[in-house]
Amino acid sequence: MLPQIHLDGHHLAAEGKELQLTLELAEGSVTMLVVPNRYEQLDDAELGCKYLIGAKIIQIEDSDRNRLEEFIARTLKGDPAAPQTESQLKIIQPKTFGR
């Protein structure tokens, strides 16, 4: 989820646009290269975010993939050590790569 769909004049969900995305997790940051494949403007902003972007991961280091998979597994199991709110999972300003 993002507060805006444009950043520095770039449409973040433009077709074929690669984005470097960093997720800040309790276990450390996870960096990946993604390609957005859809987006929606939300009727009700959540935590100040008005847009939901769906993306495909196209590149991620093995250590980051392991950290992300462990986070997802713990969250799905309802592990009390997993973050309970979305505010603990944040998106660092995506960097766009031209295409």
Foldseek 3Di string as FASTA:
>chain_A
DALDQDDPRDRVQPAPKKKWKWKQAPVGIWTFIWHWDDKDQAPDADPNHGMDTDIDTDGGDPVSVVVVVVLVVCVVVVPPVHDPDCVNIDIDPIDIDDD
